[in-house]
Amino acid sequence: MRTGRYALIALIGVIAALLLPTGAGAEGDALAPQSGSSGQDVWNASSGALLQLLAVVIVIESALAALFNWRVFRMAFNARALKTPVMFATGLLLVLATPYDPMRAILAAGGVPLAPAGTWTASFQETLTRLLSAMIIAGGSQGIFQLLRKLGIRAPETASDEAAARALKSDQAWISIRATGTAGPEPIQIGIEELTETYTGESDGLGYFYDHAGKPPLAGTIDSRSVWQRAKAAFTADTRRFPSYGGRTVAAGKPYRITATWIDGDKPRSVGIFRGKFASRALIDLSVDVSSDPG
């Protein structure tokens, strides 16, 4: 992932280096910096453009919050996963429908010469800067806050700081359970029980799909689904998954028993999903076929 990001940045840099002329901006170009501008003027113009962009992004986020917080939307989709593409689409519509192009304004304020108007290079530059502007808007206010912080401008705490505070601790693990197969119209009840430290796998009358009693703590699972299936799961809320998106935090290093209970016809039925321990900071996705018995 990191290598791909660096490769994309390098590609954009090469394209920009090839297309941006080395001479001064075109005469009459409203975005070209004045030749007599001082370093302080350039800094003021650049920081002003960033602060203006921050205000625009905050307004967009506030407007879209009604959609992301809508209960029906959250029931059908993973709001966290869809936020970036929705923000990107909104930012792209904004820069295409209006003359506002913050990336071009920042480049011009920084003294980057732009191609003369009416040329093929100028058209490509405009397309590229508008695309990058939409990507910056898609990054949200937290991305701009981080940029302002790196430039030495004081910024409030961002959502990334809050996410870091919520990161798994060394004594925690993260789990989710997905049900497959047919279990009837009644809801499937998921039970999670923390067992005593002395538990060694005594029989409880249930068969388990994942029986790790007496084995090393479970550290992870390998997803065998296709890329399309994983992408669909990332953007939608799965009604046959607990939780519907995200995960449930449990204590690492302690024995757990996880069960599923539902009504099969007119009889209650229970199966064991997992028993054992989870490793420190483990991210576990469990899947259980409720139409079959653990083997």
C-alpha atoms as a PDB file:
ATOM      1  CA  MET A   1       0.000   0.000   0.000  1.00  0.00           C
ATOM      2  CA  ARG A   2       2.758   2.447   0.956  1.00  0.00           C
ATOM      3  CA  THR A   3       4.808   1.581  -2.149  1.00  0.00           C
ATOM      4  CA  GLY A   4       1.793   2.192  -4.379  1.00  0.00           C
ATOM      5  CA  ARG A   5       1.162   5.576  -2.731  1.00  0.00           C
ATOM      6  CA  TYR A   6       4.755   6.688  -3.286  1.00  0.00           C
ATOM      7  CA  ALA A   7       4.619   5.492  -6.906  1.00  0.00           C
ATOM      8  CA  LEU A   8       1.437   7.535  -7.501  1.00  0.00           C
ATOM      9  CA  ILE A   9       3.017  10.645  -5.953  1.00  0.00           C
ATOM     10  CA  ALA A  10       6.133  10.164  -8.093  1.00  0.00           C
ATOM     11  CA  LEU A  11       4.013   9.781 -11.247  1.00  0.00           C
ATOM     12  CA  ILE A  12       2.094  12.992 -10.517  1.00  0.00           C
ATOM     13  CA  GLY A  13       5.407  14.766  -9.863  1.00  0.00           C
ATOM     14  CA  VAL A  14       6.853  13.607 -13.200  1.00  0.00           C
ATOM     15  CA  ILE A  15       3.725  14.725 -15.086  1.00  0.00           C
ATOM     16  CA  ALA A  16       3.810  18.110 -13.362  1.00  0.00           C
ATOM     17  CA  ALA A  17       7.528  18.555 -14.101  1.00  0.00           C
ATOM     18  CA  LEU A  18       6.991  17.780 -17.782  1.00  0.00           C
ATOM     19  CA  LEU A  19       3.953  20.011 -18.210  1.00  0.00           C
ATOM     20  CA  LEU A  20       4.723  23.057 -16.088  1.00  0.00           C
ATOM     21  CA  PRO A  21       6.748  25.584 -18.126  1.00  0.00           C
ATOM     22  CA  THR A  22       9.982  26.948 -16.712  1.00  0.00           C
ATOM     23  CA  GLY A  23       9.271  30.517 -17.713  1.00  0.00           C
ATOM     24  CA  ALA A  24       7.067  33.111 -16.062  1.00  0.00           C
ATOM     25  CA  GLY A  25       3.299  32.860 -16.130  1.00  0.00           C
ATOM     26  CA  ALA A  26       1.353  34.139 -19.084  1.00  0.00           C
ATOM     27  CA  GLU A  27       0.752  37.865 -19.251  1.00  0.00           C
ATOM     28  CA  GLY A  28      -2.722  38.654 -18.046  1.00  0.00           C
ATOM     29  CA  ASP A  29      -3.095  35.350 -16.217  1.00  0.00           C
ATOM     30  CA  ALA A  30      -5.038  36.298 -13.083  1.00  0.00           C
ATOM     31  CA  LEU A  31      -3.522  33.371 -11.211  1.00  0.00           C
ATOM     32  CA  ALA A  32       0.106  34.136 -12.047  1.00  0.00           C
ATOM     33  CA  PRO A  33       2.065  35.685  -9.137  1.00  0.00           C
ATOM     34  CA  GLN A  34       3.417  39.195  -9.510  1.00  0.00           C
ATOM     35  CA  SER A  35       7.122  39.315 -10.288  1.00  0.00           C
ATOM     36  CA  GLY A  36       7.733  41.710  -7.427  1.00  0.00           C
ATOM     37  CA  SER A  37       6.043  39.541  -4.807  1.00  0.00           C
ATOM     38  CA  SER A  38       8.125  38.963  -1.696  1.00  0.00           C
ATOM     39  CA  GLY A  39       8.456  35.671   0.172  1.00  0.00           C
ATOM     40  CA  GLN A  40       6.086  36.984   2.821  1.00  0.00           C
ATOM     41  CA  ASP A  41       3.500  37.847   0.155  1.00  0.00           C
ATOM     42  CA  VAL A  42       3.773  34.335  -1.283  1.00  0.00           C
ATOM     43  CA  TRP A  43       3.399  32.831   2.198  1.00  0.00           C
ATOM     44  CA  ASN A  44       0.370  34.986   2.978  1.00  0.00           C
ATOM     45  CA  ALA A  45      -1.289  34.094  -0.334  1.00  0.00           C
ATOM     46  CA  SER A  46      -0.598  30.351   0.101  1.00  0.00           C
ATOM     47  CA  SER A  47      -1.792  30.207   3.706  1.00  0.00           C
ATOM     48  CA  GLY A  48      -4.849  32.263   2.776  1.00  0.00           C
ATOM     49  CA  ALA A  49      -5.717  29.806   0.002  1.00  0.00           C
ATOM     50  CA  LEU A  50      -5.338  26.888   2.437  1.00  0.00           C
ATOM     51  CA  LEU A  51      -7.526  28.524   5.068  1.00  0.00           C
ATOM     52  CA  GLN A  52     -10.143  29.297   2.420  1.00  0.00           C
ATOM     53  CA  LEU A  53     -10.004  25.648   1.328  1.00  0.00           C
ATOM     54  CA  LEU A  54     -10.404  24.568   4.950  1.00  0.00           C
ATOM     55  CA  ALA A  55     -13.546  26.685   5.282  1.00  0.00           C
ATOM     56  CA  VAL A  56     -14.999  25.195   2.074  1.00  0.00           C
ATOM     57  CA  VAL A  57     -14.253  21.610   3.201  1.00  0.00           C
ATOM     58  CA  ILE A  58     -15.790  22.168   6.642  1.00  0.00           C
ATOM     59  CA  VAL A  59     -18.958  23.508   5.022  1.00  0.00           C
ATOM     60  CA  ILE A  60     -19.114  20.480   2.685  1.00  0.00           C
ATOM     61  CA  GLU A  61     -18.593  18.080   5.601  1.00  0.00           C
ATOM     62  CA  SER A  62     -21.330  19.811   7.568  1.00  0.00           C
ATOM     63  CA  ALA A  63     -23.709  19.585   4.615  1.00  0.00           C
ATOM     64  CA  LEU A  64     -22.984  15.884   4.056  1.00  0.00           C
ATOM     65  CA  ALA A  65     -23.224  15.071   7.764  1.00  0.00           C
ATOM     66  CA  ALA A  66     -27.001  14.921   7.366  1.00  0.00           C
ATOM     67  CA  LEU A  67     -26.526  12.071   4.867  1.00  0.00           C
ATOM     68  CA  PHE A  68     -23.802  10.217   6.777  1.00  0.00           C
ATOM     69  CA  ASN A  69     -25.774  10.392  10.049  1.00  0.00           C
ATOM     70  CA  TRP A  70     -29.097   9.411   8.473  1.00  0.00           C
ATOM     71  CA  ARG A  71     -30.233   6.188  10.122  1.00  0.00           C
ATOM     72  CA  VAL A  72     -31.459   4.625   6.878  1.00  0.00           C
ATOM     73  CA  PHE A  73     -28.119   5.389   5.194  1.00  0.00           C
ATOM     74  CA  ARG A  74     -26.158   3.874   8.082  1.00  0.00           C
ATOM     75  CA  MET A  75     -28.352   0.769   8.042  1.00  0.00           C
ATOM     76  CA  ALA A  76     -27.655   0.172   4.344  1.00  0.00           C
ATOM     77  CA  PHE A  77     -24.061   1.397   3.994  1.00  0.00           C
ATOM     78  CA  ASN A  78     -20.793   1.686   5.869  1.00  0.00           C
ATOM     79  CA  ALA A  79     -20.697   5.458   6.347  1.00  0.00           C
ATOM     80  CA  ARG A  80     -16.969   5.484   7.136  1.00  0.00           C
ATOM     81  CA  ALA A  81     -16.090   3.606   3.947  1.00  0.00           C
ATOM     82  CA  LEU A  82     -18.355   5.717   1.712  1.00  0.00           C
ATOM     83  CA  LYS A  83     -17.315   9.083   3.127  1.00  0.00           C
ATOM     84  CA  THR A  84     -14.203   9.432   0.940  1.00  0.00           C
ATOM     85  CA  PRO A  85     -15.837   8.602  -2.437  1.00  0.00           C
ATOM     86  CA  VAL A  86     -18.855  10.786  -1.632  1.00  0.00           C
ATOM     87  CA  MET A  87     -16.569  13.663  -0.603  1.00  0.00           C
ATOM     88  CA  PHE A  88     -14.512  13.173  -3.776  1.00  0.00           C
ATOM     89  CA  ALA A  89     -17.616  13.215  -5.999  1.00  0.00           C
ATOM     90  CA  THR A  90     -18.900  16.346  -4.239  1.00  0.00           C
ATOM     91  CA  GLY A  91     -15.514  18.070  -4.547  1.00  0.00           C
ATOM     92  CA  LEU A  92     -15.253  17.156  -8.239  1.00  0.00           C
ATOM     93  CA  LEU A  93     -18.727  18.546  -8.941  1.00  0.00           C
ATOM     94  CA  LEU A  94     -17.763  21.734  -7.104  1.00  0.00           C
ATOM     95  CA  VAL A  95     -14.568  22.397  -9.053  1.00  0.00           C
ATOM     96  CA  LEU A  96     -16.196  21.457 -12.374  1.00  0.00           C
ATOM     97  CA  ALA A  97     -19.320  23.575 -11.850  1.00  0.00           C
ATOM     98  CA  THR A  98     -17.538  26.688 -10.532  1.00  0.00           C
ATOM     99  CA  PRO A  99     -14.282  28.546 -11.223  1.00  0.00           C
ATOM    100  CA  TYR A 100     -12.986  27.462  -7.800  1.00  0.00           C
ATOM    101  CA  ASP A 101      -9.736  25.477  -8.165  1.00  0.00           C
ATOM    102  CA  PRO A 102      -7.798  25.548  -4.875  1.00  0.00           C
ATOM    103  CA  MET A 103      -4.874  23.482  -6.176  1.00  0.00           C
ATOM    104  CA  ARG A 104      -4.280  25.904  -9.039  1.00  0.00           C
ATOM    105  CA  ALA A 105      -4.599  28.862  -6.672  1.00  0.00           C
ATOM    106  CA  ILE A 106      -2.032  27.354  -4.273  1.00  0.00           C
ATOM    107  CA  LEU A 107       0.414  26.648  -7.120  1.00  0.00           C
ATOM    108  CA  ALA A 108       0.044  30.194  -8.444  1.00  0.00           C
ATOM    109  CA  ALA A 109       0.422  31.699  -4.965  1.00  0.00           C
ATOM    110  CA  GLY A 110       3.612  29.681  -4.513  1.00  0.00           C
ATOM    111  CA  GLY A 111       5.148  31.115  -7.663  1.00  0.00           C
ATOM    112  CA  VAL A 112       4.698  28.052  -9.911  1.00  0.00           C
ATOM    113  CA  PRO A 113       4.495  29.265 -13.543  1.00  0.00           C
ATOM    114  CA  LEU A 114       1.439  28.141 -15.467  1.00  0.00           C
ATOM    115  CA  ALA A 115       1.075  27.504 -19.192  1.00  0.00           C
ATOM    116  CA  PRO A 116      -0.406  30.220 -21.419  1.00  0.00           C
ATOM    117  CA  ALA A 117      -4.165  30.061 -21.753  1.00  0.00           C
ATOM    118  CA  GLY A 118      -5.552  28.353 -24.846  1.00  0.00           C
ATOM    119  CA  THR A 119      -2.807  25.744 -25.160  1.00  0.00           C
ATOM    120  CA  TRP A 120      -3.108  21.979 -24.817  1.00  0.00           C
ATOM    121  CA  THR A 121      -0.769  22.090 -21.829  1.00  0.00           C
ATOM    122  CA  ALA A 122      -2.982  24.641 -20.101  1.00  0.00           C
ATOM    123  CA  SER A 123      -6.047  22.437 -20.632  1.00  0.00           C
ATOM    124  CA  PHE A 124      -4.232  19.428 -19.194  1.00  0.00           C
ATOM    125  CA  GLN A 125      -2.983  21.485 -16.257  1.00  0.00           C
ATOM    126  CA  GLU A 126      -6.526  22.618 -15.505  1.00  0.00           C
ATOM    127  CA  THR A 127      -7.817  19.034 -15.623  1.00  0.00           C
ATOM    128  CA  LEU A 128      -4.993  17.851 -13.368  1.00  0.00           C
ATOM    129  CA  THR A 129      -5.358  20.637 -10.798  1.00  0.00           C
ATOM    130  CA  ARG A 130      -9.138  20.223 -10.637  1.00  0.00           C
ATOM    131  CA  LEU A 131      -8.726  16.483 -10.114  1.00  0.00           C
ATOM    132  CA  LEU A 132      -6.168  17.093  -7.349  1.00  0.00           C
ATOM    133  CA  SER A 133      -8.467  19.713  -5.813  1.00  0.00           C
ATOM    134  CA  ALA A 134     -11.278  17.154  -5.645  1.00  0.00           C
ATOM    135  CA  MET A 135      -8.877  14.676  -4.010  1.00  0.00           C
ATOM    136  CA  ILE A 136      -7.837  17.270  -1.411  1.00  0.00           C
ATOM    137  CA  ILE A 137     -11.487  17.976  -0.624  1.00  0.00           C
ATOM    138  CA  ALA A 138     -12.066  14.209  -0.332  1.00  0.00           C
ATOM    139  CA  GLY A 139      -9.348  14.112   2.343  1.00  0.00           C
ATOM    140  CA  GLY A 140     -11.616  16.214   4.533  1.00  0.00           C
ATOM    141  CA  SER A 141     -10.763  18.775   7.161  1.00  0.00           C
ATOM    142  CA  GLN A 142      -8.445  16.410   9.010  1.00  0.00           C
ATOM    143  CA  GLY A 143      -6.165  16.198   5.957  1.00  0.00           C
ATOM    144  CA  ILE A 144      -5.980  19.989   5.710  1.00  0.00           C
ATOM    145  CA  PHE A 145      -5.442  20.261   9.472  1.00  0.00           C
ATOM    146  CA  GLN A 146      -2.469  17.906   9.154  1.00  0.00           C
ATOM    147  CA  LEU A 147      -1.075  19.999   6.291  1.00  0.00           C
ATOM    148  CA  LEU A 148      -1.463  23.204   8.289  1.00  0.00           C
ATOM    149  CA  ARG A 149       0.204  21.531  11.258  1.00  0.00           C
ATOM    150  CA  LYS A 150       3.167  20.472   9.112  1.00  0.00           C
ATOM    151  CA  LEU A 151       3.480  24.052   7.864  1.00  0.00           C
ATOM    152  CA  GLY A 152       3.700  25.257  11.466  1.00  0.00           C
ATOM    153  CA  ILE A 153       0.247  26.807  11.605  1.00  0.00           C
ATOM    154  CA  ARG A 154      -1.551  25.949  14.817  1.00  0.00           C
ATOM    155  CA  ALA A 155      -4.473  23.602  14.302  1.00  0.00           C
ATOM    156  CA  PRO A 156      -6.973  21.957  16.655  1.00  0.00           C
ATOM    157  CA  GLU A 157      -7.038  18.236  17.386  1.00  0.00           C
ATOM    158  CA  THR A 158      -8.105  16.216  14.372  1.00  0.00           C
ATOM    159  CA  ALA A 159     -10.158  13.072  13.961  1.00  0.00           C
ATOM    160  CA  SER A 160      -6.917  11.135  13.358  1.00  0.00           C
ATOM    161  CA  ASP A 161      -5.793  12.017  16.890  1.00  0.00           C
ATOM    162  CA  GLU A 162      -9.103  10.740  18.224  1.00  0.00           C
ATOM    163  CA  ALA A 163      -8.750   7.556  16.132  1.00  0.00           C
ATOM    164  CA  ALA A 164      -5.256   6.998  17.521  1.00  0.00           C
ATOM    165  CA  ALA A 165      -6.657   7.299  21.036  1.00  0.00           C
ATOM    166  CA  ARG A 166      -9.243   4.653  20.149  1.00  0.00           C
ATOM    167  CA  ALA A 167      -6.654   2.276  18.657  1.00  0.00           C
ATOM    168  CA  LEU A 168      -6.438  -1.190  20.111  1.00  0.00           C
ATOM    169  CA  LYS A 169      -4.333  -1.469  23.233  1.00  0.00           C
ATOM    170  CA  SER A 170      -1.956  -4.347  23.884  1.00  0.00           C
ATOM    171  CA  ASP A 171      -4.555  -6.092  26.051  1.00  0.00           C
ATOM    172  CA  GLN A 172      -7.365  -5.850  23.470  1.00  0.00           C
ATOM    173  CA  ALA A 173      -8.471  -7.685  20.318  1.00  0.00           C
ATOM    174  CA  TRP A 174     -11.104  -6.983  17.659  1.00  0.00           C
ATOM    175  CA  ILE A 175     -13.638  -9.541  16.415  1.00  0.00           C
ATOM    176  CA  SER A 176     -16.630  -9.834  14.104  1.00  0.00           C
ATOM    177  CA  ILE A 177     -18.965 -12.754  13.311  1.00  0.00           C
ATOM    178  CA  ARG A 178     -20.657 -13.322   9.952  1.00  0.00           C
ATOM    179  CA  ALA A 179     -23.497 -15.830   9.529  1.00  0.00           C
ATOM    180  CA  THR A 180     -23.980 -17.714   6.261  1.00  0.00           C
ATOM    181  CA  GLY A 181     -26.570 -20.292   5.238  1.00  0.00           C
ATOM    182  CA  THR A 182     -30.280 -20.313   6.100  1.00  0.00           C
ATOM    183  CA  ALA A 183     -31.462 -20.097   9.686  1.00  0.00           C
ATOM    184  CA  GLY A 184     -35.111 -19.146   9.172  1.00  0.00           C
ATOM    185  CA  PRO A 185     -36.808 -15.775   9.562  1.00  0.00           C
ATOM    186  CA  GLU A 186     -35.984 -15.312  13.239  1.00  0.00           C
ATOM    187  CA  PRO A 187     -32.947 -13.245  14.297  1.00  0.00           C
ATOM    188  CA  ILE A 188     -29.696 -15.028  15.131  1.00  0.00           C
ATOM    189  CA  GLN A 189     -28.579 -14.263  18.681  1.00  0.00           C
ATOM    190  CA  ILE A 190     -24.819 -13.979  19.237  1.00  0.00           C
ATOM    191  CA  GLY A 191     -23.500 -14.705  22.724  1.00  0.00           C
ATOM    192  CA  ILE A 192     -20.023 -13.701  23.918  1.00  0.00           C
ATOM    193  CA  GLU A 193     -18.869 -14.976  27.292  1.00  0.00           C
ATOM    194  CA  GLU A 194     -15.546 -14.368  28.992  1.00  0.00           C
ATOM    195  CA  LEU A 195     -14.539 -17.564  30.800  1.00  0.00           C
ATOM    196  CA  THR A 196     -12.403 -18.064  33.887  1.00  0.00           C
ATOM    197  CA  GLU A 197      -8.637 -18.074  33.548  1.00  0.00           C
ATOM    198  CA  THR A 198      -8.578 -21.740  34.580  1.00  0.00           C
ATOM    199  CA  TYR A 199     -10.732 -22.816  31.620  1.00  0.00           C
ATOM    200  CA  THR A 200      -8.941 -25.519  29.589  1.00  0.00           C
ATOM    201  CA  GLY A 201     -11.679 -26.644  27.196  1.00  0.00           C
ATOM    202  CA  GLU A 202     -14.059 -28.688  29.311  1.00  0.00           C
ATOM    203  CA  SER A 203     -17.029 -30.101  27.407  1.00  0.00           C
ATOM    204  CA  ASP A 204     -20.127 -27.906  27.409  1.00  0.00           C
ATOM    205  CA  GLY A 205     -22.233 -30.003  25.046  1.00  0.00           C
ATOM    206  CA  LEU A 206     -21.654 -27.761  22.020  1.00  0.00           C
ATOM    207  CA  GLY A 207     -19.652 -28.413  18.898  1.00  0.00           C
ATOM    208  CA  TYR A 208     -17.465 -25.494  17.770  1.00  0.00           C
ATOM    209  CA  PHE A 209     -16.627 -24.267  14.289  1.00  0.00           C
ATOM    210  CA  TYR A 210     -13.418 -22.761  15.689  1.00  0.00           C
ATOM    211  CA  ASP A 211     -12.186 -24.695  18.701  1.00  0.00           C
ATOM    212  CA  HIS A 212      -8.972 -23.124  19.995  1.00  0.00           C
ATOM    213  CA  ALA A 213      -9.244 -24.336  23.576  1.00  0.00           C
ATOM    214  CA  GLY A 214      -5.777 -25.323  24.754  1.00  0.00           C
ATOM    215  CA  LYS A 215      -4.205 -23.877  21.573  1.00  0.00           C
ATOM    216  CA  PRO A 216      -2.160 -20.691  21.052  1.00  0.00           C
ATOM    217  CA  PRO A 217      -4.234 -17.474  21.033  1.00  0.00           C
ATOM    218  CA  LEU A 218      -5.830 -16.743  17.660  1.00  0.00           C
ATOM    219  CA  ALA A 219      -3.889 -13.899  15.990  1.00  0.00           C
ATOM    220  CA  GLY A 220      -5.672 -13.449  12.665  1.00  0.00           C
ATOM    221  CA  THR A 221      -7.768 -14.895   9.845  1.00  0.00           C
ATOM    222  CA  ILE A 222      -7.146 -15.039   6.086  1.00  0.00           C
ATOM    223  CA  ASP A 223     -10.034 -13.814   3.947  1.00  0.00           C
ATOM    224  CA  SER A 224     -10.736 -16.186   1.047  1.00  0.00           C
ATOM    225  CA  ARG A 225     -13.427 -14.023  -0.527  1.00  0.00           C
ATOM    226  CA  SER A 226     -12.918 -12.423  -3.948  1.00  0.00           C
ATOM    227  CA  VAL A 227     -11.830  -8.801  -4.316  1.00  0.00           C
ATOM    228  CA  TRP A 228     -15.347  -7.853  -5.428  1.00  0.00           C
ATOM    229  CA  GLN A 229     -16.933  -9.542  -2.407  1.00  0.00           C
ATOM    230  CA  ARG A 230     -14.538  -7.785  -0.014  1.00  0.00           C
ATOM    231  CA  ALA A 231     -15.115  -4.407  -1.707  1.00  0.00           C
ATOM    232  CA  LYS A 232     -18.890  -4.853  -1.485  1.00  0.00           C
ATOM    233  CA  ALA A 233     -18.595  -5.802   2.186  1.00  0.00           C
ATOM    234  CA  ALA A 234     -16.423  -2.742   2.865  1.00  0.00           C
ATOM    235  CA  PHE A 235     -19.009  -0.282   1.526  1.00  0.00           C
ATOM    236  CA  THR A 236     -22.240  -1.866   2.739  1.00  0.00           C
ATOM    237  CA  ALA A 237     -23.635  -2.688   6.158  1.00  0.00           C
ATOM    238  CA  ASP A 238     -23.963  -6.490   6.385  1.00  0.00           C
ATOM    239  CA  THR A 239     -27.203  -7.440   8.162  1.00  0.00           C
ATOM    240  CA  ARG A 240     -25.849 -10.965   8.705  1.00  0.00           C
ATOM    241  CA  ARG A 241     -22.747  -9.745  10.473  1.00  0.00           C
ATOM    242  CA  PHE A 242     -22.128  -8.745  14.091  1.00  0.00           C
ATOM    243  CA  PRO A 243     -21.488  -5.840  14.220  1.00  0.00           C
ATOM    244  CA  SER A 244     -22.947  -4.848  10.835  1.00  0.00           C
ATOM    245  CA  TYR A 245     -19.630  -3.069  10.144  1.00  0.00           C
ATOM    246  CA  GLY A 246     -16.580  -2.428  12.254  1.00  0.00           C
ATOM    247  CA  GLY A 247     -15.810  -4.799  15.118  1.00  0.00           C
ATOM    248  CA  ARG A 248     -16.370  -5.702  18.753  1.00  0.00           C
ATOM    249  CA  THR A 249     -13.500  -5.159  21.187  1.00  0.00           C
ATOM    250  CA  VAL A 250     -12.651  -8.021  23.567  1.00  0.00           C
ATOM    251  CA  ALA A 251      -9.866  -8.656  26.049  1.00  0.00           C
ATOM    252  CA  ALA A 252      -6.751 -10.310  24.633  1.00  0.00           C
ATOM    253  CA  GLY A 253      -5.212 -13.327  26.350  1.00  0.00           C
ATOM    254  CA  LYS A 254      -8.431 -14.337  28.136  1.00  0.00           C
ATOM    255  CA  PRO A 255     -10.587 -17.364  27.205  1.00  0.00           C
ATOM    256  CA  TYR A 256     -13.886 -16.681  25.457  1.00  0.00           C
ATOM    257  CA  ARG A 257     -16.861 -18.708  24.321  1.00  0.00           C
ATOM    258  CA  ILE A 258     -18.915 -17.379  21.407  1.00  0.00           C
ATOM    259  CA  THR A 259     -22.228 -18.994  20.460  1.00  0.00           C
ATOM    260  CA  ALA A 260     -25.110 -18.500  18.030  1.00  0.00           C
ATOM    261  CA  THR A 261     -28.739 -19.241  18.955  1.00  0.00           C
ATOM    262  CA  TRP A 262     -31.858 -19.098  16.784  1.00  0.00           C
ATOM    263  CA  ILE A 263     -35.251 -20.723  16.235  1.00  0.00           C
ATOM    264  CA  ASP A 264     -35.164 -23.598  13.735  1.00  0.00           C
ATOM    265  CA  GLY A 265     -38.804 -24.284  12.896  1.00  0.00           C
ATOM    266  CA  ASP A 266     -40.322 -24.398  16.373  1.00  0.00           C
ATOM    267  CA  LYS A 267     -37.183 -25.513  18.212  1.00  0.00           C
ATOM    268  CA  PRO A 268     -34.368 -23.405  19.616  1.00  0.00           C
ATOM    269  CA  ARG A 269     -30.959 -24.307  18.267  1.00  0.00           C
ATOM    270  CA  SER A 270     -27.493 -23.340  19.470  1.00  0.00           C
ATOM    271  CA  VAL A 271     -24.048 -23.872  17.974  1.00  0.00           C
ATOM    272  CA  GLY A 272     -20.604 -22.963  19.165  1.00  0.00           C
ATOM    273  CA  ILE A 273     -18.741 -20.483  16.983  1.00  0.00           C
ATOM    274  CA  PHE A 274     -15.470 -20.103  18.871  1.00  0.00           C
ATOM    275  CA  ARG A 275     -13.802 -20.919  22.142  1.00  0.00           C
ATOM    276  CA  GLY A 276     -10.263 -20.052  23.118  1.00  0.00           C
ATOM    277  CA  LYS A 277      -8.121 -16.946  23.431  1.00  0.00           C
ATOM    278  CA  PHE A 278      -7.360 -14.012  21.151  1.00  0.00           C
ATOM    279  CA  ALA A 279      -3.849 -12.653  20.686  1.00  0.00           C
ATOM    280  CA  SER A 280      -2.872  -9.076  21.503  1.00  0.00           C
ATOM    281  CA  ARG A 281      -4.257  -6.577  18.945  1.00  0.00           C
ATOM    282  CA  ALA A 282      -5.677  -9.448  16.858  1.00  0.00           C
ATOM    283  CA  LEU A 283      -8.199  -8.571  14.112  1.00  0.00           C
ATOM    284  CA  ILE A 284     -10.463 -11.593  13.764  1.00  0.00           C
ATOM    285  CA  ASP A 285     -13.315 -12.176  11.282  1.00  0.00           C
ATOM    286  CA  LEU A 286     -15.233 -15.360  12.118  1.00  0.00           C
ATOM    287  CA  SER A 287     -17.755 -16.965   9.760  1.00  0.00           C
ATOM    288  CA  VAL A 288     -20.334 -19.560  10.746  1.00  0.00           C
ATOM    289  CA  ASP A 289     -22.646 -21.590   8.485  1.00  0.00           C
ATOM    290  CA  VAL A 290     -25.869 -21.791  10.506  1.00  0.00           C
ATOM    291  CA  SER A 291     -27.353 -24.366   8.116  1.00  0.00           C
ATOM    292  CA  SER A 292     -24.702 -26.950   9.027  1.00  0.00           C
ATOM    293  CA  ASP A 293     -23.290 -28.514  12.147  1.00  0.00           C
ATOM    294  CA  PRO A 294     -19.724 -27.924  13.357  1.00  0.00           C
ATOM    295  CA  GLY A 295     -17.514 -30.732  12.173  1.00  0.00           C
END
